[in-house]
C-alpha atoms as a PDB file:
ATOM      1  CA  MET A   1      32.694  89.210 130.213  1.00  0.00           C
ATOM      2  CA  MET A   2      35.425  88.457 131.824  1.00  0.00           C
ATOM      3  CA  ARG A   3      37.392  87.708 128.847  1.00  0.00           C
ATOM      4  CA  VAL A   4      36.947  91.181 127.846  1.00  0.00           C
ATOM      5  CA  ALA A   5      37.895  92.656 130.499  1.00  0.00           C
ATOM      6  CA  ARG A   6      41.125  90.663 130.910  1.00  0.00           C
ATOM      7  CA  ARG A   7      41.767  91.598 127.331  1.00  0.00           C
ATOM      8  CA  GLN A   8      41.251  95.108 127.938  1.00  0.00           C
ATOM      9  CA  LEU A   9      44.073  94.935 131.190  1.00  0.00           C
ATOM     10  CA  VAL A  10      46.376  92.855 128.908  1.00  0.00           C
ATOM     11  CA  SER A  11      46.013  95.691 125.990  1.00  0.00           C
ATOM     12  CA  ARG A  12      46.491  98.439 128.285  1.00  0.00           C
ATOM     13  CA  SER A  13      49.548  96.858 129.939  1.00  0.00           C
ATOM     14  CA  ILE A  14      51.430  96.195 126.650  1.00  0.00           C
ATOM     15  CA  MET A  15      50.783  99.997 125.450  1.00  0.00           C
ATOM     16  CA  PRO A  16      53.366 101.522 128.029  1.00  0.00           C
ATOM     17  CA  VAL A  17      55.464  98.624 127.853  1.00  0.00           C
ATOM     18  CA  THR A  18      55.742  99.090 123.746  1.00  0.00           C
ATOM     19  CA  LEU A  19      56.079 102.767 124.159  1.00  0.00           C
ATOM     20  CA  VAL A  20      59.109 102.443 126.417  1.00  0.00           C
ATOM     21  CA  VAL A  21      60.798  99.926 123.785  1.00  0.00           C
ATOM     22  CA  VAL A  22      60.128 102.361 121.409  1.00  0.00           C
ATOM     23  CA  CYS A  23      61.417 105.108 123.068  1.00  0.00           C
ATOM     24  CA  ALA A  24      64.823 102.675 123.825  1.00  0.00           C
ATOM     25  CA  ILE A  25      65.045 102.293 120.152  1.00  0.00           C
ATOM     26  CA  VAL A  26      64.606 105.588 119.075  1.00  0.00           C
ATOM     27  CA  SER A  27      67.076 106.537 121.764  1.00  0.00           C
ATOM     28  CA  ILE A  28      69.769 104.026 121.003  1.00  0.00           C
ATOM     29  CA  VAL A  29      69.545 105.106 117.126  1.00  0.00           C
ATOM     30  CA  ALA A  30      70.118 108.862 118.048  1.00  0.00           C
ATOM     31  CA  PHE A  31      72.923 107.691 120.215  1.00  0.00           C
ATOM     32  CA  THR A  32      74.333 105.717 117.439  1.00  0.00           C
ATOM     33  CA  LEU A  33      74.139 108.873 114.560  1.00  0.00           C
ATOM     34  CA  TRP A  34      75.233 111.165 117.382  1.00  0.00           C
ATOM     35  CA  GLN A  35      78.711 109.024 118.113  1.00  0.00           C
ATOM     36  CA  ALA A  36      78.644 108.658 114.357  1.00  0.00           C
ATOM     37  CA  ARG A  37      78.861 112.710 113.549  1.00  0.00           C
ATOM     38  CA  GLU A  38      81.252 112.928 116.237  1.00  0.00           C
ATOM     39  CA  ASP A  39      83.471 110.159 114.729  1.00  0.00           C
ATOM     40  CA  ALA A  40      83.232 111.849 111.048  1.00  0.00           C
ATOM     41  CA  ARG A  41      84.134 115.395 112.578  1.00  0.00           C
ATOM     42  CA  ALA A  42      86.889 114.140 114.527  1.00  0.00           C
ATOM     43  CA  ARG A  43      88.272 112.048 111.371  1.00  0.00           C
ATOM     44  CA  ALA A  44      87.518 114.677 108.957  1.00  0.00           C
ATOM     45  CA  GLU A  45      89.702 117.670 111.319  1.00  0.00           C
ATOM     46  CA  ARG A  46      92.442 114.935 111.534  1.00  0.00           C
ATOM     47  CA  GLU A  47      92.360 114.467 107.824  1.00  0.00           C
ATOM     48  CA  GLY A  48      92.433 118.348 107.246  1.00  0.00           C
ATOM     49  CA  GLU A  49      95.557 118.440 109.718  1.00  0.00           C
ATOM     50  CA  ASN A  50      97.324 116.069 107.568  1.00  0.00           C
ATOM     51  CA  ILE A  51      96.527 117.914 104.424  1.00  0.00           C
ATOM     52  CA  VAL A  52      97.643 121.336 105.793  1.00  0.00           C
ATOM     53  CA  GLN A  53     101.275 119.629 106.904  1.00  0.00           C
ATOM     54  CA  ALA A  54     101.449 117.779 103.442  1.00  0.00           C
ATOM     55  CA  ILE A  55     100.708 121.073 101.691  1.00  0.00           C
ATOM     56  CA  GLU A  56     103.143 123.046 104.369  1.00  0.00           C
ATOM     57  CA  ALA A  57     105.748 120.198 103.531  1.00  0.00           C
ATOM     58  CA  ASP A  58     105.590 120.456  99.680  1.00  0.00           C
ATOM     59  CA  VAL A  59     105.580 124.482  99.714  1.00  0.00           C
ATOM     60  CA  SER A  60     108.186 124.487 102.016  1.00  0.00           C
ATOM     61  CA  ARG A  61     110.610 121.901  99.627  1.00  0.00           C
ATOM     62  CA  ASN A  62     109.616 124.057  96.843  1.00  0.00           C
ATOM     63  CA  ILE A  63     110.689 127.194  98.229  1.00  0.00           C
ATOM     64  CA  GLU A  64     113.854 125.208  99.365  1.00  0.00           C
ATOM     65  CA  LEU A  65     114.376 124.016  95.738  1.00  0.00           C
ATOM     66  CA  TYR A  66     114.077 127.640  94.499  1.00  0.00           C
ATOM     67  CA  ASP A  67     116.177 128.966  96.901  1.00  0.00           C
ATOM     68  CA  LEU A  68     118.862 126.390  96.471  1.00  0.00           C
ATOM     69  CA  SER A  69     118.706 127.045  92.470  1.00  0.00           C
ATOM     70  CA  LEU A  70     118.563 130.858  92.800  1.00  0.00           C
ATOM     71  CA  GLN A  71     121.670 130.408  95.243  1.00  0.00           C
ATOM     72  CA  GLY A  72     123.440 128.323  92.301  1.00  0.00           C
ATOM     73  CA  LEU A  73     122.564 130.663  89.572  1.00  0.00           C
ATOM     74  CA  ARG A  74     123.997 133.652  91.948  1.00  0.00           C
ATOM     75  CA  GLU A  75     127.387 131.614  92.213  1.00  0.00           C
ATOM     76  CA  ALA A  76     127.501 130.746  88.743  1.00  0.00           C
ATOM     77  CA  LEU A  77     126.775 134.278  87.656  1.00  0.00           C
ATOM     78  CA  ARG A  78     129.702 135.450  89.987  1.00  0.00           C
ATOM     79  CA  TRP A  79     132.070 132.918  88.884  1.00  0.00           C
ATOM     80  CA  PHE A  80     131.571 134.077  85.200  1.00  0.00           C
ATOM     81  CA  ASP A  81     131.996 137.282  86.588  1.00  0.00           C
ATOM     82  CA  VAL A  82     135.167 136.610  87.787  1.00  0.00           C
ATOM     83  CA  GLN A  83     136.027 134.719  84.735  1.00  0.00           C
ATOM     84  CA  ARG A  84     135.192 137.138  82.599  1.00  0.00           C
ATOM     85  CA  TYR A  85     136.440 140.394  84.250  1.00  0.00           C
ATOM     86  CA  GLY A  86     139.491 138.813  85.672  1.00  0.00           C
ATOM     87  CA  HIS A  87     140.511 138.050  82.412  1.00  0.00           C
ATOM     88  CA  LEU A  88     139.939 141.717  81.311  1.00  0.00           C
ATOM     89  CA  ARG A  89     141.970 143.001  84.074  1.00  0.00           C
ATOM     90  CA  ARG A  90     144.755 140.645  83.172  1.00  0.00           C
ATOM     91  CA  CYS A  91     144.715 141.874  79.855  1.00  0.00           C
ATOM     92  CA  SER A  92     146.558 145.373  80.403  1.00  0.00           C
ATOM     93  CA  ARG A  93     145.832 146.400  76.347  1.00  0.00           C
ATOM     94  CA  ILE A  94     142.130 146.623  76.603  1.00  0.00           C
ATOM     95  CA  SER A  95     140.628 149.977  77.606  1.00  0.00           C
ATOM     96  CA  LEU A  96     137.117 149.644  78.915  1.00  0.00           C
ATOM     97  CA  THR A  97     135.894 152.745  77.914  1.00  0.00           C
ATOM     98  CA  ARG A  98     137.513 153.213  74.170  1.00  0.00           C
ATOM     99  CA  ASN A  99     136.658 150.551  72.121  1.00  0.00           C
ATOM    100  CA  PRO A 100     133.643 148.028  73.320  1.00  0.00           C
ATOM    101  CA  GLU A 101     133.909 145.733  70.339  1.00  0.00           C
ATOM    102  CA  LYS A 102     137.678 144.757  71.040  1.00  0.00           C
ATOM    103  CA  ILE A 103     136.040 143.920  74.558  1.00  0.00           C
ATOM    104  CA  PHE A 104     133.370 141.704  73.250  1.00  0.00           C
ATOM    105  CA  ARG A 105     135.842 139.884  70.980  1.00  0.00           C
ATOM    106  CA  GLU A 106     138.181 139.261  73.944  1.00  0.00           C
ATOM    107  CA  ILE A 107     135.520 138.219  76.131  1.00  0.00           C
ATOM    108  CA  ILE A 108     134.049 135.879  73.167  1.00  0.00           C
ATOM    109  CA  ILE A 109     137.787 134.404  72.629  1.00  0.00           C
ATOM    110  CA  ALA A 110     138.324 133.957  76.448  1.00  0.00           C
ATOM    111  CA  SER A 111     135.151 131.626  76.802  1.00  0.00           C
ATOM    112  CA  HIS A 112     136.377 129.340  74.342  1.00  0.00           C
END
């Protein structure tokens, strides 16, 4: 009889200890999962900011390239206009309103 009572006492004292150990393990796993989630969220936020910065730099660089190209085109057209109209202004024998074929012929001759 004494053995049975002792077994019951040991069995009853092991159950709460086991329950405490299981709760501790579950708590540790839950904390680890929560911490991993927070780390993943922070990393995703940093990577998102990096992507935004990279896209911003790329768009800014493209806009700057387009701007420089348009400025170069404007300067080239301005230079062409000065060359073309400057030549026509020096030719006193050309009338801009009377003979357009002659004007185009002079422009073609001047450009060669």
